[in-house]
Amino acid sequence: MIFDVDGVLLDLTPEEEDAFFWAFAKLHQLSGLSRDWDGYRIRNDVEIITEILETHFGRSPSPGERQAVIRAYLSHLANGIDAGRLKPSPIAGAESLLDDLAGTLKLGIATANLLEAASLRLAACAIWEPVKNCAFGANGGGAKRQILARAMADLALPPDRIIFIGDNLNDVEAGLANGVHFIGFSEDQAKCRYLADAGAKRVCNHHRDTLKHIRDALRL
């Protein structure tokens, strides 16, 4: 059982978005950067950092330049959470869903966030523990289908025994490409229809229904 993070387990707050882009302003005086995550070449924090720096420098950034942004972002995020300036927000029903599944299924995450950022945010909402043993993020690069494939390899289960839950088109594509059961999730009914139109056979807008879909897909 593999979850996307933003839109499925956590809401991405404006303050958390600010923390990501703060690093570029701090280190390179860059402001006004696009927050349309789908507008970047690859929706993956590492790839987005690379693209922004590449555009700024007019060349590929060095590993050190990329790592400097990552370190600044993670430090700022951790300090903000510790100080209470940043308050990660769980999706309604996420904690109960994980509690219901823990001990029955192997749980994990496949997120386009940096894994360190995802762990900080999930831990702040007390929902990191159930998924930490199979946790994969933007680290290593690649599109969501590649991140999901890394998580699947770690689970070491056949695709028809794995469910991936996501909230955007990249997630639908990743689920279909990897041959797993896919559940499209969004609290927004219009987005649910959007996911269904993109090929999601199972779609829901509350995690009480997510549990029903999981049981049906795995015949539990």
N, C-alpha and C. Protein backbone atom coordinates (compact mmCIF):
# COMPACT_ATOMS: atom_id res chain seq x y z
N MET A 1 0.86 -1.18 0.00
CA MET A 1 0.00 0.00 0.00
C MET A 1 0.90 1.23 0.00
N ILE A 2 0.85 2.01 -1.07
CA ILE A 2 1.74 3.16 -1.22
C ILE A 2 0.92 4.43 -1.41
N PHE A 3 1.26 5.44 -0.65
CA PHE A 3 0.54 6.71 -0.68
C PHE A 3 1.41 7.81 -1.28
N ASP A 4 0.80 8.67 -2.09
CA ASP A 4 1.38 9.97 -2.35
C ASP A 4 1.22 10.76 -1.04
N VAL A 5 1.91 11.87 -0.90
CA VAL A 5 1.82 12.64 0.35
C VAL A 5 0.89 13.84 0.20
N ASP A 6 1.29 14.81 -0.62
CA ASP A 6 0.47 16.03 -0.74
C ASP A 6 -0.84 15.73 -1.45
N GLY A 7 -1.93 16.13 -0.82
CA GLY A 7 -3.25 15.90 -1.38
C GLY A 7 -3.87 14.58 -0.97
N VAL A 8 -3.06 13.70 -0.38
CA VAL A 8 -3.55 12.38 0.05
C VAL A 8 -3.41 12.21 1.57
N LEU A 9 -2.23 12.49 2.08
CA LEU A 9 -2.01 12.44 3.54
C LEU A 9 -1.93 13.84 4.15
N LEU A 10 -1.37 14.78 3.41
CA LEU A 10 -1.22 16.16 3.91
C LEU A 10 -1.72 17.16 2.88
N ASP A 11 -2.24 18.28 3.38
CA ASP A 11 -2.43 19.46 2.53
C ASP A 11 -1.09 20.17 2.42
N LEU A 12 -0.79 20.72 1.26
CA LEU A 12 0.41 21.55 1.12
C LEU A 12 -0.01 22.99 1.40
N THR A 13 0.45 23.54 2.53
CA THR A 13 0.04 24.88 2.93
C THR A 13 0.87 25.93 2.20
N PRO A 14 0.34 27.15 2.05
CA PRO A 14 1.12 28.23 1.43
C PRO A 14 2.43 28.48 2.16
N GLU A 15 2.43 28.35 3.49
CA GLU A 15 3.64 28.57 4.27
C GLU A 15 4.71 27.52 3.95
N GLU A 16 4.27 26.29 3.68
CA GLU A 16 5.23 25.25 3.31
C GLU A 16 5.79 25.50 1.90
N GLU A 17 4.95 25.98 1.01
CA GLU A 17 5.46 26.37 -0.31
C GLU A 17 6.47 27.50 -0.17
N ASP A 18 6.16 28.48 0.70
CA ASP A 18 7.09 29.59 0.93
C ASP A 18 8.45 29.08 1.38
N ALA A 19 8.47 28.05 2.23
CA ALA A 19 9.72 27.51 2.76
C ALA A 19 10.59 26.95 1.63
N PHE A 20 9.95 26.30 0.66
CA PHE A 20 10.71 25.76 -0.47
C PHE A 20 11.36 26.87 -1.28
N PHE A 21 10.59 27.91 -1.60
CA PHE A 21 11.11 28.97 -2.46
C PHE A 21 11.99 29.96 -1.69
N TRP A 22 11.89 29.96 -0.36
CA TRP A 22 12.74 30.82 0.47
C TRP A 22 14.21 30.56 0.20
N ALA A 23 14.57 29.30 -0.01
CA ALA A 23 15.98 28.95 -0.20
C ALA A 23 16.57 29.64 -1.44
N PHE A 24 15.78 29.78 -2.49
CA PHE A 24 16.27 30.43 -3.70
C PHE A 24 16.46 31.93 -3.47
N ALA A 25 15.54 32.52 -2.71
CA ALA A 25 15.67 33.95 -2.40
C ALA A 25 16.87 34.19 -1.50
N LYS A 26 17.08 33.31 -0.53
CA LYS A 26 18.16 33.46 0.42
C LYS A 26 19.53 33.32 -0.25
N LEU A 27 19.68 32.31 -1.09
CA LEU A 27 20.98 32.02 -1.67
C LEU A 27 21.25 32.74 -2.99
N HIS A 28 20.19 33.00 -3.77
CA HIS A 28 20.40 33.54 -5.11
C HIS A 28 19.54 34.76 -5.44
N GLN A 29 18.87 35.31 -4.42
CA GLN A 29 18.03 36.50 -4.58
C GLN A 29 16.98 36.31 -5.69
N LEU A 30 16.48 35.09 -5.81
CA LEU A 30 15.46 34.80 -6.80
C LEU A 30 14.07 34.91 -6.18
N SER A 31 13.19 35.64 -6.82
CA SER A 31 11.82 35.79 -6.32
C SER A 31 10.85 35.66 -7.49
N GLY A 32 9.58 35.53 -7.15
CA GLY A 32 8.56 35.45 -8.18
C GLY A 32 8.60 34.17 -8.98
N LEU A 33 9.17 33.11 -8.41
CA LEU A 33 9.27 31.84 -9.11
C LEU A 33 7.89 31.17 -9.21
N SER A 34 7.68 30.44 -10.27
CA SER A 34 6.38 29.81 -10.50
C SER A 34 6.08 28.76 -9.43
N ARG A 35 4.84 28.79 -8.97
CA ARG A 35 4.37 27.77 -8.02
C ARG A 35 3.41 26.79 -8.69
N ASP A 36 3.41 26.81 -9.99
CA ASP A 36 2.66 25.82 -10.76
C ASP A 36 3.56 24.59 -10.89
N TRP A 37 3.39 23.64 -9.99
CA TRP A 37 4.27 22.48 -9.93
C TRP A 37 4.24 21.69 -11.23
N ASP A 38 3.09 21.70 -11.90
CA ASP A 38 2.98 20.96 -13.16
C ASP A 38 3.63 21.71 -14.32
N GLY A 39 4.00 22.96 -14.09
CA GLY A 39 4.61 23.75 -15.15
C GLY A 39 6.10 23.48 -15.32
N TYR A 40 6.70 22.77 -14.37
CA TYR A 40 8.11 22.42 -14.49
C TYR A 40 8.28 21.16 -15.33
N ARG A 41 9.47 20.93 -15.83
CA ARG A 41 9.71 19.80 -16.74
C ARG A 41 9.33 18.47 -16.08
N ILE A 42 9.76 18.30 -14.85
CA ILE A 42 9.47 17.07 -14.10
C ILE A 42 9.01 17.48 -12.71
N ARG A 43 7.86 16.96 -12.31
CA ARG A 43 7.30 17.32 -11.01
C ARG A 43 8.01 16.50 -9.92
N ASN A 44 9.12 17.02 -9.45
CA ASN A 44 9.99 16.36 -8.48
C ASN A 44 10.85 17.46 -7.89
N ASP A 45 10.92 17.56 -6.57
CA ASP A 45 11.63 18.68 -5.94
C ASP A 45 13.07 18.81 -6.41
N VAL A 46 13.79 17.69 -6.53
CA VAL A 46 15.17 17.74 -6.97
C VAL A 46 15.25 18.26 -8.41
N GLU A 47 14.36 17.77 -9.25
CA GLU A 47 14.35 18.20 -10.65
C GLU A 47 13.96 19.67 -10.78
N ILE A 48 13.03 20.12 -9.94
CA ILE A 48 12.61 21.52 -9.97
C ILE A 48 13.74 22.43 -9.51
N ILE A 49 14.44 22.03 -8.46
CA ILE A 49 15.60 22.81 -8.00
C ILE A 49 16.63 22.91 -9.12
N THR A 50 16.89 21.80 -9.78
CA THR A 50 17.85 21.79 -10.89
C THR A 50 17.40 22.72 -12.01
N GLU A 51 16.11 22.67 -12.37
CA GLU A 51 15.61 23.50 -13.46
C GLU A 51 15.70 24.99 -13.13
N ILE A 52 15.33 25.34 -11.90
CA ILE A 52 15.38 26.76 -11.51
C ILE A 52 16.81 27.27 -11.54
N LEU A 53 17.74 26.50 -10.99
CA LEU A 53 19.15 26.92 -10.98
C LEU A 53 19.73 26.95 -12.39
N GLU A 54 19.34 26.01 -13.21
CA GLU A 54 19.81 25.98 -14.60
C GLU A 54 19.36 27.24 -15.34
N THR A 55 18.11 27.62 -15.13
CA THR A 55 17.60 28.84 -15.76
C THR A 55 18.33 30.07 -15.24
N HIS A 56 18.61 30.08 -13.93
CA HIS A 56 19.29 31.22 -13.31
C HIS A 56 20.73 31.35 -13.77
N PHE A 57 21.46 30.23 -13.77
CA PHE A 57 22.88 30.26 -14.10
C PHE A 57 23.14 30.24 -15.62
N GLY A 58 22.16 29.76 -16.39
CA GLY A 58 22.41 29.57 -17.81
C GLY A 58 23.27 28.36 -18.09
N ARG A 59 23.31 27.45 -17.13
CA ARG A 59 24.11 26.21 -17.25
C ARG A 59 23.59 25.22 -16.22
N SER A 60 24.04 23.99 -16.33
CA SER A 60 23.64 22.99 -15.34
C SER A 60 24.30 23.31 -14.01
N PRO A 61 23.54 23.29 -12.91
CA PRO A 61 24.14 23.56 -11.60
C PRO A 61 25.04 22.41 -11.18
N SER A 62 26.03 22.72 -10.39
CA SER A 62 26.89 21.68 -9.85
C SER A 62 26.15 20.95 -8.73
N PRO A 63 26.57 19.73 -8.40
CA PRO A 63 25.95 19.03 -7.26
C PRO A 63 25.99 19.87 -5.98
N GLY A 64 27.09 20.59 -5.78
CA GLY A 64 27.21 21.42 -4.58
C GLY A 64 26.22 22.56 -4.55
N GLU A 65 25.98 23.19 -5.70
CA GLU A 65 25.02 24.28 -5.77
C GLU A 65 23.60 23.77 -5.50
N ARG A 66 23.30 22.59 -6.03
CA ARG A 66 21.98 22.00 -5.80
C ARG A 66 21.82 21.62 -4.32
N GLN A 67 22.85 21.03 -3.76
CA GLN A 67 22.78 20.61 -2.36
C GLN A 67 22.67 21.79 -1.41
N ALA A 68 23.25 22.91 -1.77
CA ALA A 68 23.16 24.10 -0.92
C ALA A 68 21.70 24.56 -0.80
N VAL A 69 20.97 24.52 -1.90
CA VAL A 69 19.55 24.88 -1.87
C VAL A 69 18.77 23.87 -1.03
N ILE A 70 19.05 22.59 -1.21
CA ILE A 70 18.36 21.56 -0.45
C ILE A 70 18.61 21.73 1.04
N ARG A 71 19.87 21.95 1.42
CA ARG A 71 20.19 22.12 2.85
C ARG A 71 19.48 23.35 3.43
N ALA A 72 19.48 24.44 2.68
CA ALA A 72 18.83 25.67 3.17
C ALA A 72 17.34 25.46 3.35
N TYR A 73 16.72 24.81 2.38
CA TYR A 73 15.28 24.54 2.45
C TYR A 73 14.94 23.65 3.64
N LEU A 74 15.64 22.54 3.79
CA LEU A 74 15.33 21.61 4.87
C LEU A 74 15.56 22.23 6.24
N SER A 75 16.63 23.01 6.37
CA SER A 75 16.89 23.69 7.64
C SER A 75 15.80 24.69 7.97
N HIS A 76 15.39 25.46 6.96
CA HIS A 76 14.33 26.47 7.17
C HIS A 76 13.01 25.79 7.51
N LEU A 77 12.71 24.70 6.83
CA LEU A 77 11.48 23.95 7.09
C LEU A 77 11.48 23.39 8.51
N ALA A 78 12.58 22.76 8.90
CA ALA A 78 12.67 22.17 10.25
C ALA A 78 12.56 23.24 11.32
N ASN A 79 13.24 24.36 11.12
CA ASN A 79 13.19 25.45 12.11
C ASN A 79 11.78 26.02 12.21
N GLY A 80 11.11 26.15 11.08
CA GLY A 80 9.75 26.68 11.08
C GLY A 80 8.78 25.76 11.80
N ILE A 81 8.92 24.46 11.60
CA ILE A 81 8.05 23.51 12.28
C ILE A 81 8.33 23.51 13.78
N ASP A 82 9.61 23.51 14.14
CA ASP A 82 9.99 23.50 15.56
C ASP A 82 9.48 24.75 16.28
N ALA A 83 9.52 25.88 15.58
CA ALA A 83 9.11 27.14 16.19
C ALA A 83 7.60 27.37 16.13
N GLY A 84 6.89 26.51 15.40
CA GLY A 84 5.45 26.67 15.28
C GLY A 84 5.01 27.64 14.21
N ARG A 85 5.99 28.14 13.41
CA ARG A 85 5.62 29.06 12.32
C ARG A 85 5.00 28.28 11.16
N LEU A 86 5.43 27.05 10.99
CA LEU A 86 4.90 26.17 9.95
C LEU A 86 4.14 25.04 10.61
N LYS A 87 2.92 24.84 10.19
CA LYS A 87 2.08 23.79 10.80
C LYS A 87 1.52 22.90 9.71
N PRO A 88 2.20 21.78 9.43
CA PRO A 88 1.67 20.84 8.44
C PRO A 88 0.25 20.43 8.80
N SER A 89 -0.56 20.25 7.75
CA SER A 89 -1.99 20.01 7.94
C SER A 89 -2.38 18.65 7.35
N PRO A 90 -2.83 17.71 8.18
CA PRO A 90 -3.21 16.39 7.65
C PRO A 90 -4.55 16.44 6.93
N ILE A 91 -4.70 15.60 5.95
CA ILE A 91 -5.98 15.41 5.27
C ILE A 91 -6.93 14.72 6.25
N ALA A 92 -8.19 15.13 6.26
CA ALA A 92 -9.18 14.51 7.15
C ALA A 92 -9.24 13.00 6.93
N GLY A 93 -9.14 12.27 8.01
CA GLY A 93 -9.25 10.82 7.94
C GLY A 93 -7.97 10.09 7.65
N ALA A 94 -6.87 10.80 7.36
CA ALA A 94 -5.61 10.14 7.01
C ALA A 94 -5.06 9.33 8.17
N GLU A 95 -5.07 9.90 9.35
CA GLU A 95 -4.52 9.19 10.51
C GLU A 95 -5.33 7.93 10.81
N SER A 96 -6.65 8.05 10.76
CA SER A 96 -7.51 6.88 11.01
C SER A 96 -7.30 5.80 9.96
N LEU A 97 -7.14 6.21 8.70
CA LEU A 97 -6.91 5.24 7.64
C LEU A 97 -5.62 4.48 7.87
N LEU A 98 -4.55 5.19 8.21
CA LEU A 98 -3.28 4.53 8.46
C LEU A 98 -3.37 3.60 9.67
N ASP A 99 -4.09 4.04 10.69
CA ASP A 99 -4.28 3.19 11.88
C ASP A 99 -5.01 1.90 11.52
N ASP A 100 -6.02 2.02 10.65
CA ASP A 100 -6.80 0.84 10.25
C ASP A 100 -5.95 -0.15 9.45
N LEU A 101 -4.99 0.38 8.67
CA LEU A 101 -4.21 -0.47 7.78
C LEU A 101 -2.93 -1.01 8.41
N ALA A 102 -2.38 -0.27 9.37
CA ALA A 102 -1.12 -0.67 10.00
C ALA A 102 -1.27 -2.04 10.66
N GLY A 103 -0.29 -2.89 10.44
CA GLY A 103 -0.34 -4.23 11.02
C GLY A 103 -1.02 -5.23 10.13
N THR A 104 -1.77 -4.74 9.13
CA THR A 104 -2.45 -5.61 8.17
C THR A 104 -1.74 -5.61 6.82
N LEU A 105 -1.36 -4.41 6.38
CA LEU A 105 -0.68 -4.26 5.09
C LEU A 105 0.67 -3.56 5.29
N LYS A 106 1.59 -3.81 4.37
CA LYS A 106 2.83 -3.05 4.33
C LYS A 106 2.49 -1.66 3.77
N LEU A 107 2.93 -0.62 4.47
CA LEU A 107 2.59 0.74 4.07
C LEU A 107 3.84 1.52 3.67
N GLY A 108 3.68 2.43 2.71
CA GLY A 108 4.80 3.26 2.31
C GLY A 108 4.33 4.51 1.61
N ILE A 109 5.29 5.35 1.19
CA ILE A 109 4.98 6.57 0.44
C ILE A 109 5.86 6.66 -0.80
N ALA A 110 5.32 7.28 -1.83
CA ALA A 110 6.06 7.64 -3.04
C ALA A 110 5.68 9.08 -3.34
N THR A 111 6.56 10.01 -3.03
CA THR A 111 6.25 11.42 -3.11
C THR A 111 7.28 12.17 -3.93
N ALA A 112 6.86 13.24 -4.58
CA ALA A 112 7.77 14.09 -5.32
C ALA A 112 8.47 15.09 -4.41
N ASN A 113 8.12 15.08 -3.13
CA ASN A 113 8.84 15.89 -2.13
C ASN A 113 10.20 15.27 -1.87
N LEU A 114 11.15 16.08 -1.43
CA LEU A 114 12.35 15.51 -0.83
C LEU A 114 11.92 14.65 0.35
N LEU A 115 12.50 13.48 0.48
CA LEU A 115 12.07 12.56 1.52
C LEU A 115 12.25 13.17 2.91
N GLU A 116 13.34 13.91 3.10
CA GLU A 116 13.57 14.53 4.40
C GLU A 116 12.48 15.53 4.75
N ALA A 117 12.00 16.27 3.74
CA ALA A 117 10.92 17.23 3.96
C ALA A 117 9.62 16.51 4.26
N ALA A 118 9.34 15.46 3.51
CA ALA A 118 8.12 14.69 3.75
C ALA A 118 8.11 14.09 5.15
N SER A 119 9.25 13.57 5.59
CA SER A 119 9.30 12.96 6.92
C SER A 119 9.08 13.99 8.02
N LEU A 120 9.65 15.17 7.85
CA LEU A 120 9.45 16.24 8.84
C LEU A 120 7.98 16.62 8.94
N ARG A 121 7.34 16.76 7.80
CA ARG A 121 5.95 17.20 7.76
C ARG A 121 5.01 16.12 8.29
N LEU A 122 5.25 14.88 7.88
CA LEU A 122 4.41 13.77 8.36
C LEU A 122 4.60 13.55 9.85
N ALA A 123 5.83 13.66 10.32
CA ALA A 123 6.11 13.47 11.75
C ALA A 123 5.41 14.53 12.58
N ALA A 124 5.33 15.76 12.05
CA ALA A 124 4.66 16.83 12.77
C ALA A 124 3.17 16.55 12.96
N CYS A 125 2.62 15.68 12.09
CA CYS A 125 1.20 15.30 12.17
C CYS A 125 1.03 13.91 12.76
N ALA A 126 2.13 13.35 13.27
CA ALA A 126 2.12 12.02 13.91
C ALA A 126 1.67 10.91 12.95
N ILE A 127 2.04 11.03 11.67
CA ILE A 127 1.68 9.97 10.72
C ILE A 127 2.90 9.52 9.90
N TRP A 128 4.09 9.72 10.43
CA TRP A 128 5.30 9.25 9.77
C TRP A 128 5.59 7.78 10.10
N GLU A 129 5.37 7.38 11.32
CA GLU A 129 5.73 6.04 11.78
C GLU A 129 5.13 4.92 10.90
N PRO A 130 3.84 4.98 10.54
CA PRO A 130 3.27 3.86 9.78
C PRO A 130 3.87 3.66 8.39
N VAL A 131 4.47 4.73 7.82
CA VAL A 131 4.94 4.64 6.43
C VAL A 131 6.46 4.69 6.30
N LYS A 132 7.17 4.86 7.40
CA LYS A 132 8.60 5.15 7.32
C LYS A 132 9.44 3.99 6.79
N ASN A 133 8.95 2.76 6.89
CA ASN A 133 9.77 1.62 6.48
C ASN A 133 9.80 1.39 4.97
N CYS A 134 8.97 2.11 4.23
CA CYS A 134 9.00 2.04 2.76
C CYS A 134 8.72 3.45 2.24
N ALA A 135 9.69 4.32 2.40
CA ALA A 135 9.48 5.74 2.11
C ALA A 135 10.43 6.20 1.00
N PHE A 136 9.86 6.68 -0.08
CA PHE A 136 10.64 7.10 -1.23
C PHE A 136 10.17 8.47 -1.70
N GLY A 137 11.14 9.33 -2.02
CA GLY A 137 10.81 10.69 -2.41
C GLY A 137 11.57 11.15 -3.64
N ALA A 138 11.72 12.46 -3.76
CA ALA A 138 12.36 13.06 -4.93
C ALA A 138 13.84 12.71 -5.03
N ASN A 139 14.45 12.34 -3.92
CA ASN A 139 15.87 12.00 -3.89
C ASN A 139 16.18 10.95 -4.96
N GLY A 140 17.16 11.24 -5.78
CA GLY A 140 17.47 10.34 -6.89
C GLY A 140 16.85 10.77 -8.19
N GLY A 141 15.95 11.76 -8.13
CA GLY A 141 15.35 12.31 -9.34
C GLY A 141 14.31 11.40 -9.96
N GLY A 142 13.84 11.82 -11.11
CA GLY A 142 12.88 11.03 -11.85
C GLY A 142 11.45 11.45 -11.66
N ALA A 143 10.61 11.03 -12.61
CA ALA A 143 9.18 11.30 -12.54
C ALA A 143 8.52 10.38 -11.52
N LYS A 144 7.24 10.62 -11.25
CA LYS A 144 6.54 9.84 -10.23
C LYS A 144 6.54 8.36 -10.55
N ARG A 145 6.46 7.99 -11.81
CA ARG A 145 6.45 6.57 -12.15
C ARG A 145 7.74 5.89 -11.67
N GLN A 146 8.86 6.63 -11.71
CA GLN A 146 10.14 6.07 -11.27
C GLN A 146 10.22 5.99 -9.75
N ILE A 147 9.67 7.00 -9.08
CA ILE A 147 9.65 6.98 -7.62
C ILE A 147 8.78 5.83 -7.13
N LEU A 148 7.63 5.66 -7.77
CA LEU A 148 6.74 4.55 -7.41
C LEU A 148 7.42 3.22 -7.66
N ALA A 149 8.14 3.08 -8.75
CA ALA A 149 8.83 1.83 -9.05
C ALA A 149 9.86 1.50 -7.97
N ARG A 150 10.53 2.53 -7.42
CA ARG A 150 11.50 2.28 -6.34
C ARG A 150 10.78 1.77 -5.09
N ALA A 151 9.63 2.37 -4.79
CA ALA A 151 8.87 1.91 -3.62
C ALA A 151 8.36 0.48 -3.82
N MET A 152 7.91 0.17 -5.03
CA MET A 152 7.42 -1.16 -5.32
C MET A 152 8.52 -2.20 -5.17
N ALA A 153 9.71 -1.88 -5.63
CA ALA A 153 10.83 -2.81 -5.51
C ALA A 153 11.14 -3.09 -4.05
N ASP A 154 10.97 -2.08 -3.21
CA ASP A 154 11.22 -2.25 -1.78
C ASP A 154 10.16 -3.15 -1.14
N LEU A 155 8.91 -2.99 -1.56
CA LEU A 155 7.84 -3.83 -1.03
C LEU A 155 7.99 -5.29 -1.45
N ALA A 156 8.57 -5.50 -2.63
CA ALA A 156 8.80 -6.86 -3.15
C ALA A 156 7.52 -7.69 -3.20
N LEU A 157 6.45 -7.06 -3.71
CA LEU A 157 5.18 -7.74 -3.91
C LEU A 157 4.79 -7.66 -5.38
N PRO A 158 4.00 -8.60 -5.87
CA PRO A 158 3.55 -8.47 -7.27
C PRO A 158 2.67 -7.24 -7.43
N PRO A 159 2.69 -6.60 -8.61
CA PRO A 159 1.91 -5.37 -8.82
C PRO A 159 0.43 -5.50 -8.47
N ASP A 160 -0.15 -6.68 -8.70
CA ASP A 160 -1.58 -6.82 -8.42
C ASP A 160 -1.89 -6.95 -6.93
N ARG A 161 -0.84 -6.89 -6.09
CA ARG A 161 -1.04 -6.86 -4.64
C ARG A 161 -0.63 -5.51 -4.05
N ILE A 162 -0.43 -4.54 -4.94
CA ILE A 162 -0.02 -3.20 -4.50
C ILE A 162 -1.06 -2.19 -4.94
N ILE A 163 -1.38 -1.27 -4.03
CA ILE A 163 -2.27 -0.15 -4.34
C ILE A 163 -1.49 1.14 -4.18
N PHE A 164 -1.66 2.05 -5.14
CA PHE A 164 -1.07 3.38 -5.04
C PHE A 164 -2.20 4.39 -5.02
N ILE A 165 -2.15 5.31 -4.08
CA ILE A 165 -3.17 6.36 -3.96
C ILE A 165 -2.53 7.70 -4.27
N GLY A 166 -3.08 8.42 -5.25
CA GLY A 166 -2.53 9.72 -5.62
C GLY A 166 -3.62 10.70 -5.99
N ASP A 167 -3.19 11.95 -6.22
CA ASP A 167 -4.19 13.00 -6.42
C ASP A 167 -3.98 13.83 -7.68
N ASN A 168 -3.04 13.45 -8.56
CA ASN A 168 -2.90 14.23 -9.78
C ASN A 168 -2.60 13.33 -10.98
N LEU A 169 -2.50 13.94 -12.15
CA LEU A 169 -2.34 13.16 -13.37
C LEU A 169 -1.04 12.37 -13.39
N ASN A 170 0.02 12.93 -12.81
CA ASN A 170 1.28 12.20 -12.74
C ASN A 170 1.12 10.91 -11.94
N ASP A 171 0.26 10.96 -10.93
CA ASP A 171 0.03 9.77 -10.11
C ASP A 171 -0.77 8.72 -10.89
N VAL A 172 -1.78 9.17 -11.62
CA VAL A 172 -2.56 8.24 -12.44
C VAL A 172 -1.63 7.55 -13.43
N GLU A 173 -0.81 8.33 -14.12
CA GLU A 173 0.12 7.79 -15.11
C GLU A 173 1.10 6.81 -14.46
N ALA A 174 1.58 7.15 -13.26
CA ALA A 174 2.53 6.28 -12.56
C ALA A 174 1.89 4.96 -12.19
N GLY A 175 0.66 5.02 -11.70
CA GLY A 175 -0.04 3.79 -11.33
C GLY A 175 -0.28 2.90 -12.53
N LEU A 176 -0.75 3.48 -13.62
CA LEU A 176 -1.02 2.71 -14.83
C LEU A 176 0.28 2.13 -15.41
N ALA A 177 1.33 2.94 -15.43
CA ALA A 177 2.60 2.49 -16.01
C ALA A 177 3.21 1.33 -15.24
N ASN A 178 2.97 1.31 -13.92
CA ASN A 178 3.56 0.28 -13.08
C ASN A 178 2.63 -0.91 -12.83
N GLY A 179 1.42 -0.84 -13.37
CA GLY A 179 0.52 -1.98 -13.31
C GLY A 179 -0.07 -2.29 -11.95
N VAL A 180 -0.16 -1.28 -11.07
CA VAL A 180 -0.73 -1.49 -9.75
C VAL A 180 -2.19 -1.06 -9.73
N HIS A 181 -2.89 -1.41 -8.67
CA HIS A 181 -4.22 -0.84 -8.45
C HIS A 181 -4.02 0.64 -8.11
N PHE A 182 -4.81 1.50 -8.73
CA PHE A 182 -4.69 2.93 -8.44
C PHE A 182 -6.01 3.47 -7.90
N ILE A 183 -5.90 4.27 -6.85
CA ILE A 183 -7.06 4.98 -6.30
C ILE A 183 -6.79 6.48 -6.42
N GLY A 184 -7.65 7.17 -7.15
CA GLY A 184 -7.54 8.61 -7.23
C GLY A 184 -8.25 9.24 -6.05
N PHE A 185 -7.57 10.13 -5.36
CA PHE A 185 -8.16 10.76 -4.18
C PHE A 185 -8.08 12.28 -4.28
N SER A 186 -9.16 12.93 -3.96
CA SER A 186 -9.17 14.38 -3.79
C SER A 186 -10.40 14.78 -3.00
N GLU A 187 -10.25 15.75 -2.12
CA GLU A 187 -11.40 16.27 -1.40
C GLU A 187 -12.27 17.14 -2.31
N ASP A 188 -11.74 17.49 -3.47
CA ASP A 188 -12.44 18.32 -4.46
C ASP A 188 -13.13 17.40 -5.46
N GLN A 189 -14.46 17.46 -5.50
CA GLN A 189 -15.23 16.59 -6.39
C GLN A 189 -14.87 16.80 -7.87
N ALA A 190 -14.61 18.04 -8.24
CA ALA A 190 -14.25 18.32 -9.63
C ALA A 190 -12.94 17.64 -9.99
N LYS A 191 -12.00 17.64 -9.06
CA LYS A 191 -10.71 16.99 -9.32
C LYS A 191 -10.89 15.47 -9.39
N CYS A 192 -11.82 14.95 -8.60
CA CYS A 192 -12.12 13.51 -8.68
C CYS A 192 -12.56 13.14 -10.09
N ARG A 193 -13.42 13.95 -10.67
CA ARG A 193 -13.88 13.68 -12.05
C ARG A 193 -12.70 13.76 -13.03
N TYR A 194 -11.83 14.70 -12.79
CA TYR A 194 -10.63 14.89 -13.61
C TYR A 194 -9.75 13.64 -13.55
N LEU A 195 -9.58 13.08 -12.37
CA LEU A 195 -8.78 11.86 -12.21
C LEU A 195 -9.45 10.68 -12.90
N ALA A 196 -10.76 10.59 -12.77
CA ALA A 196 -11.50 9.50 -13.43
C ALA A 196 -11.37 9.61 -14.94
N ASP A 197 -11.47 10.81 -15.46
CA ASP A 197 -11.35 11.01 -16.90
C ASP A 197 -9.95 10.63 -17.41
N ALA A 198 -8.95 10.74 -16.51
CA ALA A 198 -7.57 10.42 -16.89
C ALA A 198 -7.28 8.92 -16.81
N GLY A 199 -8.24 8.14 -16.31
CA GLY A 199 -8.04 6.70 -16.29
C GLY A 199 -8.12 6.03 -14.94
N ALA A 200 -8.37 6.82 -13.87
CA ALA A 200 -8.50 6.22 -12.54
C ALA A 200 -9.84 5.49 -12.43
N LYS A 201 -9.79 4.19 -12.21
CA LYS A 201 -11.03 3.41 -12.14
C LYS A 201 -11.69 3.53 -10.78
N ARG A 202 -10.89 3.79 -9.77
CA ARG A 202 -11.42 3.99 -8.42
C ARG A 202 -11.09 5.41 -7.97
N VAL A 203 -12.10 6.15 -7.56
CA VAL A 203 -11.91 7.55 -7.16
C VAL A 203 -12.76 7.82 -5.93
N CYS A 204 -12.22 8.58 -4.99
CA CYS A 204 -13.01 8.94 -3.80
C CYS A 204 -12.54 10.29 -3.25
N ASN A 205 -13.40 10.87 -2.41
CA ASN A 205 -13.08 12.20 -1.86
C ASN A 205 -13.05 12.22 -0.34
N HIS A 206 -13.11 11.04 0.30
CA HIS A 206 -12.94 10.96 1.75
C HIS A 206 -12.31 9.61 2.07
N HIS A 207 -11.45 9.60 3.08
CA HIS A 207 -10.70 8.38 3.36
C HIS A 207 -11.55 7.24 3.94
N ARG A 208 -12.75 7.52 4.38
CA ARG A 208 -13.61 6.40 4.77
C ARG A 208 -13.95 5.56 3.54
N ASP A 209 -14.04 6.22 2.38
CA ASP A 209 -14.30 5.50 1.14
C ASP A 209 -13.02 4.89 0.58
N THR A 210 -11.87 5.53 0.87
CA THR A 210 -10.59 4.95 0.45
C THR A 210 -10.43 3.55 1.02
N LEU A 211 -10.78 3.38 2.29
CA LEU A 211 -10.66 2.08 2.93
C LEU A 211 -11.51 1.04 2.21
N LYS A 212 -12.71 1.43 1.80
CA LYS A 212 -13.59 0.50 1.07
C LYS A 212 -12.95 0.08 -0.25
N HIS A 213 -12.37 1.04 -0.96
CA HIS A 213 -11.72 0.73 -2.24
C HIS A 213 -10.52 -0.20 -2.04
N ILE A 214 -9.77 0.03 -0.98
CA ILE A 214 -8.60 -0.82 -0.69
C ILE A 214 -9.05 -2.26 -0.45
N ARG A 215 -10.05 -2.40 0.37
CA ARG A 215 -10.56 -3.75 0.67
C ARG A 215 -11.10 -4.44 -0.57
N ASP A 216 -11.76 -3.67 -1.42
CA ASP A 216 -12.31 -4.25 -2.63
C ASP A 216 -11.19 -4.67 -3.60
N ALA A 217 -10.19 -3.78 -3.77
CA ALA A 217 -9.11 -4.07 -4.72
C ALA A 217 -8.31 -5.29 -4.32
N LEU A 218 -8.06 -5.43 -3.02
CA LEU A 218 -7.25 -6.55 -2.53
C LEU A 218 -8.09 -7.72 -2.05
N ARG A 219 -9.42 -7.58 -2.17
CA ARG A 219 -10.35 -8.63 -1.76
C ARG A 219 -10.11 -9.03 -0.30
N LEU A 220 -10.07 -8.02 0.55
CA LEU A 220 -9.85 -8.26 1.98
C LEU A 220 -11.17 -8.49 2.70
